[in-house]
C-alpha atoms as a PDB file:
ATOM      1  CA  MET A   1       0.000   0.000   0.000  1.00  0.00           C
ATOM      2  CA  GLN A   2       2.821   2.407   0.867  1.00  0.00           C
ATOM      3  CA  SER A   3       4.432   1.786  -2.530  1.00  0.00           C
ATOM      4  CA  ARG A   4       1.175   2.448  -4.362  1.00  0.00           C
ATOM      5  CA  ILE A   5       0.555   5.698  -2.469  1.00  0.00           C
ATOM      6  CA  PHE A   6       4.099   6.920  -3.082  1.00  0.00           C
ATOM      7  CA  GLU A   7       3.870   6.111  -6.809  1.00  0.00           C
ATOM      8  CA  GLU A   8       0.522   7.894  -7.182  1.00  0.00           C
ATOM      9  CA  PHE A   9       1.811  11.091  -5.581  1.00  0.00           C
ATOM     10  CA  ALA A  10       5.004  10.924  -7.644  1.00  0.00           C
ATOM     11  CA  ARG A  11       2.931  10.501 -10.820  1.00  0.00           C
ATOM     12  CA  SER A  12       0.366  13.167 -10.037  1.00  0.00           C
ATOM     13  CA  GLN A  13       0.267  16.138 -12.414  1.00  0.00           C
ATOM     14  CA  ASN A  14      -2.355  18.039 -10.406  1.00  0.00           C
ATOM     15  CA  LEU A  15      -0.150  18.876  -7.423  1.00  0.00           C
ATOM     16  CA  HIS A  16       2.442  21.049  -9.207  1.00  0.00           C
ATOM     17  CA  ASP A  17       1.482  24.154  -7.192  1.00  0.00           C
ATOM     18  CA  GLN A  18       0.971  22.399  -3.854  1.00  0.00           C
ATOM     19  CA  GLU A  19       3.312  20.796  -1.372  1.00  0.00           C
ATOM     20  CA  ILE A  20       3.294  17.031  -1.827  1.00  0.00           C
ATOM     21  CA  PRO A  21       2.845  15.126   1.467  1.00  0.00           C
ATOM     22  CA  ARG A  22       6.011  13.622   2.887  1.00  0.00           C
ATOM     23  CA  ILE A  23       5.680   9.947   2.107  1.00  0.00           C
ATOM     24  CA  PRO A  24       8.770   7.827   2.751  1.00  0.00           C
ATOM     25  CA  ARG A  25       9.914   5.957  -0.346  1.00  0.00           C
ATOM     26  CA  PRO A  26       9.728   2.190   0.233  1.00  0.00           C
ATOM     27  CA  ILE A  27      13.105   0.549  -0.343  1.00  0.00           C
ATOM     28  CA  TYR A  28      12.569  -3.173   0.278  1.00  0.00           C
ATOM     29  CA  PHE A  29      10.340  -5.687   2.004  1.00  0.00           C
ATOM     30  CA  ILE A  30      11.506  -8.550   4.244  1.00  0.00           C
ATOM     31  CA  THR A  31       9.335 -11.581   4.866  1.00  0.00           C
ATOM     32  CA  PRO A  32       9.671 -13.948   7.827  1.00  0.00           C
ATOM     33  CA  ALA A  33      11.191 -16.448   5.362  1.00  0.00           C
ATOM     34  CA  THR A  34      13.998 -14.150   4.118  1.00  0.00           C
ATOM     35  CA  GLU A  35      16.666 -16.188   5.917  1.00  0.00           C
ATOM     36  CA  GLU A  36      19.725 -14.437   4.469  1.00  0.00           C
ATOM     37  CA  TRP A  37      18.572 -11.020   5.783  1.00  0.00           C
ATOM     38  CA  TRP A  38      17.469 -12.368   9.168  1.00  0.00           C
ATOM     39  CA  SER A  39      20.727 -14.257   9.738  1.00  0.00           C
ATOM     40  CA  VAL A  40      22.697 -10.997   9.362  1.00  0.00           C
ATOM     41  CA  LYS A  41      20.329  -8.570  11.127  1.00  0.00           C
ATOM     42  CA  VAL A  42      18.540 -10.526  13.862  1.00  0.00           C
ATOM     43  CA  HIS A  43      21.169  -9.620  16.500  1.00  0.00           C
ATOM     44  CA  LYS A  44      20.191  -5.924  16.154  1.00  0.00           C
ATOM     45  CA  PHE A  45      16.708  -6.600  17.543  1.00  0.00           C
ATOM     46  CA  ALA A  46      15.764  -6.794  21.215  1.00  0.00           C
ATOM     47  CA  LYS A  47      16.160 -10.307  22.627  1.00  0.00           C
ATOM     48  CA  HIS A  48      12.416 -10.965  22.776  1.00  0.00           C
ATOM     49  CA  LEU A  49      12.122 -10.110  19.054  1.00  0.00           C
ATOM     50  CA  GLN A  50      14.966 -12.378  17.932  1.00  0.00           C
ATOM     51  CA  GLU A  51      12.930 -15.536  18.202  1.00  0.00           C
ATOM     52  CA  GLU A  52      10.331 -16.981  15.846  1.00  0.00           C
ATOM     53  CA  PRO A  53       7.762 -16.090  14.670  1.00  0.00           C
ATOM     54  CA  ARG A  54       9.261 -13.183  12.799  1.00  0.00           C
ATOM     55  CA  MET A  55       7.242 -10.311  11.411  1.00  0.00           C
ATOM     56  CA  PRO A  56       7.307  -8.868   7.901  1.00  0.00           C
ATOM     57  CA  ILE A  57       9.340  -5.649   7.716  1.00  0.00           C
ATOM     58  CA  ILE A  58       9.155  -2.782   5.248  1.00  0.00           C
ATOM     59  CA  CYS A  59      12.314  -0.716   5.003  1.00  0.00           C
ATOM     60  CA  SER A  60      11.784   2.846   3.824  1.00  0.00           C
ATOM     61  CA  GLU A  61      13.452   6.230   3.702  1.00  0.00           C
ATOM     62  CA  ARG A  62      13.904   8.127   6.934  1.00  0.00           C
ATOM     63  CA  VAL A  63      10.730   9.906   7.982  1.00  0.00           C
ATOM     64  CA  MET A  64      11.554  13.591   8.109  1.00  0.00           C
ATOM     65  CA  PRO A  65      10.311  15.774  10.994  1.00  0.00           C
ATOM     66  CA  LEU A  66       7.229  17.901  10.564  1.00  0.00           C
ATOM     67  CA  PRO A  67       7.765  21.593   9.763  1.00  0.00           C
ATOM     68  CA  LYS A  68       8.109  23.842  12.824  1.00  0.00           C
ATOM     69  CA  GLN A  69       4.724  25.542  12.357  1.00  0.00           C
ATOM     70  CA  ILE A  70       2.881  22.213  12.281  1.00  0.00           C
ATOM     71  CA  ARG A  71       4.748  21.003  15.397  1.00  0.00           C
ATOM     72  CA  GLU A  72       3.788  24.186  17.217  1.00  0.00           C
ATOM     73  CA  ASP A  73       0.173  23.926  16.073  1.00  0.00           C
ATOM     74  CA  LEU A  74      -0.013  20.352  17.410  1.00  0.00           C
ATOM     75  CA  ILE A  75       1.384  21.525  20.743  1.00  0.00           C
ATOM     76  CA  ASP A  76      -1.180  24.356  20.855  1.00  0.00           C
ATOM     77  CA  ILE A  77      -4.053  21.975  20.118  1.00  0.00           C
ATOM     78  CA  PHE A  78      -3.104  18.922  22.181  1.00  0.00           C
ATOM     79  CA  GLY A  79      -0.572  20.101  24.776  1.00  0.00           C
ATOM     80  CA  PRO A  80      -1.490  21.219  28.285  1.00  0.00           C
ATOM     81  CA  GLU A  81      -1.562  25.030  28.374  1.00  0.00           C
ATOM     82  CA  GLU A  82       1.076  25.400  31.085  1.00  0.00           C
ATOM     83  CA  GLY A  83       3.567  23.198  29.213  1.00  0.00           C
ATOM     84  CA  ARG A  84       3.231  24.682  25.725  1.00  0.00           C
ATOM     85  CA  PRO A  85       6.081  27.238  25.836  1.00  0.00           C
ATOM     86  CA  GLY A  86       8.549  24.633  27.109  1.00  0.00           C
ATOM     87  CA  ALA A  87       7.393  22.010  24.630  1.00  0.00           C
ATOM     88  CA  LYS A  88       7.924  24.396  21.727  1.00  0.00           C
ATOM     89  CA  LEU A  89      11.521  25.019  22.841  1.00  0.00           C
ATOM     90  CA  ALA A  90      12.362  21.396  23.720  1.00  0.00           C
ATOM     91  CA  ALA A  91      15.098  20.082  21.436  1.00  0.00           C
ATOM     92  CA  GLY A  92      13.560  16.586  21.428  1.00  0.00           C
ATOM     93  CA  ASN A  93      10.363  17.886  19.848  1.00  0.00           C
ATOM     94  CA  LYS A  94      12.335  18.939  16.775  1.00  0.00           C
ATOM     95  CA  ASP A  95      12.175  15.323  15.596  1.00  0.00           C
ATOM     96  CA  CYS A  96       8.362  15.195  15.684  1.00  0.00           C
ATOM     97  CA  VAL A  97       6.910  12.973  12.977  1.00  0.00           C
ATOM     98  CA  ALA A  98       3.381  12.035  12.047  1.00  0.00           C
ATOM     99  CA  ARG A  99       2.733   8.477  11.030  1.00  0.00           C
ATOM    100  CA  LEU A 100      -0.337   7.670   8.994  1.00  0.00           C
ATOM    101  CA  TYR A 101      -1.698   4.179   9.394  1.00  0.00           C
ATOM    102  CA  LEU A 102      -3.098   2.780   6.183  1.00  0.00           C
ATOM    103  CA  GLY A 103      -5.159  -0.366   6.382  1.00  0.00           C
ATOM    104  CA  ARG A 104      -5.178  -2.606   9.414  1.00  0.00           C
ATOM    105  CA  ARG A 105      -3.332  -1.611  12.533  1.00  0.00           C
ATOM    106  CA  ARG A 106      -2.712  -5.104  13.886  1.00  0.00           C
ATOM    107  CA  ARG A 107      -2.346  -8.424  12.210  1.00  0.00           C
ATOM    108  CA  ASN A 108      -1.487 -11.858  13.535  1.00  0.00           C
ATOM    109  CA  TYR A 109       1.415 -13.507  11.707  1.00  0.00           C
END
């Protein structure tokens, strides 16, 4: 689904005067049966995730942070009033991302 959405936005001719949403480009997909990949990478996962059953993984471009104005708007809408000024200045909030969930949120593998 992520690949199809990315391709449609990349192909779109109607968005030339608008900012295209930031959609990470899919790079590759790993299935639970991709033994060569798992044998090299499994040690990088937490211990409880190193055992079977393995989950499918989609590797994509880095998700870039939201623009400053959007981050500040989210803080204004959802943050507690007394904490808003500090949240806007907090260095850790510079890496704010929004993740859209397309399709099912959970699936048993």
